[in-house]
Amino acid sequence: MKTYDILGISIKDHSVREALHLTREYLSYNSPSVVYFLTKDELLAASDSEEYRTFIEEEADVTMIATSDIFKAANVEEKGRAREIDRNLYLKGLLRLLSRERRRIYLLTQTAAHMSDLKNLLGTFESALQIAGTCETADISAAEDVTNDINTVTPYVVFAVLTGKEGVDFISTAKKFMNARVVVMLQPEMLKVREDGSVKQGFMARLSGRLFKRVAGRYR
């Protein structure tokens, strides 16, 4: 594990080997651990929010950089990690483990489009996953209803695509009552991938990248 200061946020970044080792341990725990994927948008939002920053630095058990251009924009030299990130090796390894051990998973999104994209993403990497339940809810503030639905199927892993601070607030509250072992918080920008597993970055992602690079320059 290495720690980086990006936009004034202390980021604990794990290699794929380290992150998978930790996740395997978490699968034996009785309360949920959180794996949180960080995009440029998440970091920009957290740079302006103490509560958001606290979640990243203290509440998330594992933080994973979602796209390697974050390193480049923040002037961090990590070519080995960049290759792991670009090939989505952690997510591939986790899904392979869950499929091999037939671990139940649950999918949670805020829109039908994100649910469809999430299913396609997971299916691209592993076709034999045990999806025990799904939930699409625009009103993620209804934490109790969503948590109760998750608890009816007792999944090992919840894959959640929840946007912004609202999603962070939900997980921060719901994990105290959730009967799952791991919550993997993905971001909408991660759902479209190429055949090699790398994330497709469209116009909005490139625009966000320019803003991120400009803001990151202020912290050097």
Protein backbone atom coordinates (compact mmCIF):
# COMPACT_ATOMS: atom_id res chain seq x y z
CA MET A 1 0.00 0.00 0.00
CA LYS A 2 1.13 3.51 -0.82
CA THR A 3 -0.34 6.78 0.38
CA TYR A 4 -0.70 9.77 -1.93
CA ASP A 5 -1.90 13.29 -1.35
CA ILE A 6 -4.22 14.13 -4.25
CA LEU A 7 -6.23 17.37 -4.12
CA GLY A 8 -5.44 17.56 -0.42
CA ILE A 9 -6.97 14.12 0.17
CA SER A 10 -4.92 11.30 1.68
CA ILE A 11 -5.42 8.33 -0.67
CA LYS A 12 -4.38 4.83 0.41
CA ASP A 13 -3.80 2.99 -2.87
CA HIS A 14 -3.42 -0.80 -2.88
CA SER A 15 -1.91 -3.03 -5.51
CA VAL A 16 -4.20 -5.65 -7.02
CA ARG A 17 -2.51 -8.39 -4.98
CA GLU A 18 -2.95 -6.45 -1.73
CA ALA A 19 -6.55 -5.47 -2.48
CA LEU A 20 -7.60 -9.01 -3.39
CA HIS A 21 -5.92 -10.38 -0.26
CA LEU A 22 -7.82 -7.89 1.89
CA THR A 23 -11.10 -8.58 0.11
CA ARG A 24 -10.73 -12.30 0.67
CA GLU A 25 -10.27 -11.58 4.39
CA TYR A 26 -13.33 -9.32 4.41
CA LEU A 27 -15.46 -12.14 2.98
CA SER A 28 -15.06 -13.92 6.32
CA TYR A 29 -16.12 -10.92 8.43
CA ASN A 30 -19.62 -10.50 9.86
CA SER A 31 -19.98 -6.79 9.07
CA PRO A 32 -19.51 -5.12 5.68
CA SER A 33 -16.21 -3.68 4.56
CA VAL A 34 -16.18 -1.03 1.83
CA VAL A 35 -14.10 -1.05 -1.35
CA TYR A 36 -14.43 2.40 -2.90
CA PHE A 37 -13.40 3.21 -6.48
CA LEU A 38 -12.27 6.80 -6.90
CA THR A 39 -12.77 8.74 -10.12
CA LYS A 40 -11.73 12.27 -10.94
CA ASP A 41 -15.27 13.51 -10.23
CA GLU A 42 -15.31 11.85 -6.81
CA LEU A 43 -12.00 13.41 -5.87
CA LEU A 44 -13.05 16.85 -7.09
CA ALA A 45 -16.23 16.64 -5.02
CA ALA A 46 -14.34 15.41 -1.95
CA SER A 47 -11.84 18.27 -2.21
CA ASP A 48 -14.72 20.63 -1.36
CA SER A 49 -16.42 18.49 1.29
CA GLU A 50 -14.98 17.58 4.68
CA GLU A 51 -17.59 14.84 5.15
CA TYR A 52 -16.83 13.33 1.76
CA ARG A 53 -13.09 13.48 2.46
CA THR A 54 -13.58 11.76 5.81
CA PHE A 55 -15.43 8.88 4.14
CA ILE A 56 -12.56 8.35 1.70
CA GLU A 57 -9.79 8.70 4.26
CA GLU A 58 -11.36 6.94 7.25
CA GLU A 59 -14.53 4.96 6.45
CA ALA A 60 -13.59 3.18 3.22
CA ASP A 61 -11.58 0.06 4.02
CA VAL A 62 -9.94 -0.09 0.59
CA THR A 63 -9.72 2.78 -1.89
CA MET A 64 -8.96 1.98 -5.52
CA ILE A 65 -8.01 4.46 -8.24
CA ALA A 66 -10.50 3.94 -11.09
CA THR A 67 -8.51 5.39 -14.00
CA SER A 68 -4.76 5.82 -14.24
CA ASP A 69 -4.97 9.34 -15.67
CA ILE A 70 -5.61 10.44 -12.09
CA PHE A 71 -1.96 9.61 -11.35
CA LYS A 72 -0.77 11.51 -14.41
CA ALA A 73 -2.86 14.59 -13.63
CA ALA A 74 -1.62 14.56 -10.02
CA ASN A 75 2.00 14.16 -11.20
CA VAL A 76 2.37 10.72 -9.59
CA GLU A 77 4.77 8.25 -11.29
CA GLU A 78 3.31 4.75 -10.89
CA LYS A 79 3.65 2.87 -14.19
CA GLY A 80 3.11 -0.57 -12.66
CA ARG A 81 -0.08 0.44 -10.87
CA ALA A 82 -1.23 2.34 -13.94
CA ARG A 83 -1.13 -0.88 -15.97
CA GLU A 84 -3.11 -2.73 -13.28
CA ILE A 85 -5.70 0.03 -13.23
CA ASP A 86 -5.98 0.33 -17.01
CA ARG A 87 -6.61 -3.42 -17.34
CA ASN A 88 -9.15 -3.45 -14.47
CA LEU A 89 -7.26 -6.32 -12.85
CA TYR A 90 -8.75 -5.95 -9.38
CA LEU A 91 -12.33 -6.17 -10.59
CA LYS A 92 -11.49 -9.08 -12.89
CA GLY A 93 -9.75 -10.93 -10.06
CA LEU A 94 -12.59 -10.33 -7.61
CA LEU A 95 -15.25 -11.54 -10.04
CA ARG A 96 -13.19 -14.63 -10.85
CA LEU A 97 -12.98 -15.40 -7.12
CA LEU A 98 -16.71 -14.87 -6.57
CA SER A 99 -17.59 -17.04 -9.56
CA ARG A 100 -15.21 -19.84 -8.59
CA GLU A 101 -16.48 -19.94 -5.01
CA ARG A 102 -20.12 -19.41 -6.06
CA ARG A 103 -20.54 -16.44 -3.73
CA ARG A 104 -23.88 -14.64 -3.90
CA ILE A 105 -23.82 -11.03 -5.08
CA TYR A 106 -26.36 -8.20 -5.12
CA LEU A 107 -26.56 -5.31 -7.59
CA LEU A 108 -27.70 -1.84 -6.50
CA THR A 109 -28.10 1.18 -8.79
CA GLN A 110 -30.15 4.35 -8.98
CA THR A 111 -31.26 3.95 -12.62
CA ALA A 112 -32.31 1.18 -14.99
CA ALA A 113 -29.61 2.29 -17.42
CA HIS A 114 -26.90 1.89 -14.80
CA MET A 115 -28.28 -1.53 -13.85
CA SER A 116 -28.11 -2.67 -17.46
CA ASP A 117 -24.58 -1.31 -17.82
CA LEU A 118 -23.50 -2.91 -14.53
CA LYS A 119 -24.80 -6.33 -15.60
CA ASN A 120 -23.01 -5.97 -18.93
CA LEU A 121 -19.78 -4.95 -17.21
CA LEU A 122 -19.78 -7.87 -14.78
CA GLY A 123 -20.81 -10.29 -17.54
CA THR A 124 -17.95 -9.08 -19.72
CA PHE A 125 -15.45 -10.18 -17.09
CA GLU A 126 -17.21 -13.28 -15.68
CA SER A 127 -20.29 -15.08 -17.03
CA ALA A 128 -21.11 -17.46 -14.15
CA LEU A 129 -21.85 -15.05 -11.30
CA GLN A 130 -24.47 -15.87 -8.67
CA ILE A 131 -26.68 -12.75 -8.77
CA ALA A 132 -29.05 -13.24 -5.82
CA GLY A 133 -30.89 -9.92 -6.10
CA THR A 134 -31.02 -6.50 -7.72
CA CYS A 135 -32.46 -3.11 -6.83
CA GLU A 136 -32.93 0.06 -8.89
CA THR A 137 -34.05 3.00 -6.80
CA ALA A 138 -33.97 6.69 -7.59
CA ASP A 139 -34.70 7.42 -3.93
CA ILE A 140 -31.53 6.12 -2.33
CA SER A 141 -32.43 8.03 0.83
CA ALA A 142 -34.87 5.19 1.65
CA ALA A 143 -31.99 3.32 3.27
CA GLU A 144 -34.09 0.99 5.40
CA ASP A 145 -36.12 -0.41 2.49
CA VAL A 146 -33.04 -1.03 0.38
CA THR A 147 -31.13 -2.59 3.27
CA ASN A 148 -34.05 -4.89 4.10
CA ASP A 149 -34.14 -6.10 0.49
CA ILE A 150 -30.41 -6.81 0.58
CA ASN A 151 -30.77 -8.66 3.87
CA THR A 152 -33.41 -11.01 2.45
CA VAL A 153 -30.79 -12.61 0.19
CA THR A 154 -27.70 -12.20 2.44
CA PRO A 155 -25.18 -11.63 -0.35
CA TYR A 156 -21.46 -11.86 0.18
CA VAL A 157 -20.83 -8.81 -1.99
CA VAL A 158 -22.98 -5.81 -2.93
CA PHE A 159 -21.93 -4.03 -6.12
CA ALA A 160 -23.30 -0.50 -5.85
CA VAL A 161 -23.36 2.25 -8.47
CA LEU A 162 -24.47 5.29 -6.48
CA THR A 163 -23.66 8.84 -7.45
CA GLY A 164 -21.99 11.56 -5.44
CA LYS A 165 -22.36 12.41 -1.80
CA GLU A 166 -25.86 10.91 -1.71
CA GLY A 167 -24.41 7.49 -2.43
CA VAL A 168 -21.65 7.92 0.13
CA ASP A 169 -24.19 8.97 2.78
CA PHE A 170 -26.33 5.91 2.01
CA ILE A 171 -23.47 3.43 2.35
CA SER A 172 -22.17 5.14 5.49
CA THR A 173 -25.58 4.66 7.12
CA ALA A 174 -26.74 1.38 5.60
CA LYS A 175 -23.58 -0.64 6.18
CA LYS A 176 -24.26 -0.62 9.91
CA PHE A 177 -27.37 -2.74 9.29
CA MET A 178 -26.46 -4.57 6.08
CA ASN A 179 -26.10 -8.35 6.12
CA ALA A 180 -23.30 -8.52 3.57
CA ARG A 181 -19.55 -8.99 3.77
CA VAL A 182 -18.26 -6.47 1.22
CA VAL A 183 -19.70 -3.42 -0.53
CA VAL A 184 -17.91 -2.52 -3.78
CA MET A 185 -18.73 1.07 -4.72
CA LEU A 186 -18.32 1.53 -8.46
CA GLN A 187 -18.86 4.77 -10.38
CA PRO A 188 -21.00 5.32 -13.50
CA GLU A 189 -17.91 6.31 -15.52
CA MET A 190 -16.51 2.80 -14.99
CA LEU A 191 -19.40 0.88 -16.54
CA LYS A 192 -18.36 1.08 -20.20
CA VAL A 193 -15.24 -0.94 -20.95
CA ARG A 194 -13.27 -2.12 -23.96
CA GLU A 195 -12.45 -5.77 -24.65
CA ASP A 196 -9.20 -5.51 -22.68
CA GLY A 197 -11.10 -4.25 -19.63
CA SER A 198 -10.00 -0.63 -19.87
CA VAL A 199 -12.59 2.05 -19.14
CA LYS A 200 -13.96 3.95 -22.13
CA GLN A 201 -13.65 7.68 -21.59
CA GLY A 202 -15.98 9.90 -23.60
CA PHE A 203 -16.17 13.66 -24.05
CA MET A 204 -17.43 14.39 -20.52
CA ALA A 205 -14.66 12.28 -18.99
CA ARG A 206 -12.05 14.19 -21.00
CA LEU A 207 -13.62 17.49 -19.95
CA SER A 208 -13.56 16.36 -16.32
CA GLY A 209 -9.94 15.32 -16.81
CA ARG A 210 -8.91 18.81 -17.89
CA LEU A 211 -10.65 20.33 -14.87
CA PHE A 212 -9.05 17.76 -12.57
CA LYS A 213 -5.59 18.47 -13.95
CA ARG A 214 -6.06 22.21 -13.47
CA VAL A 215 -7.25 21.78 -9.87
CA ALA A 216 -4.53 19.21 -9.09
CA GLY A 217 -1.91 21.74 -10.20
CA ARG A 218 -2.89 24.03 -7.32
CA TYR A 219 -1.84 21.39 -4.78
CA ARG A 220 1.68 20.83 -6.08
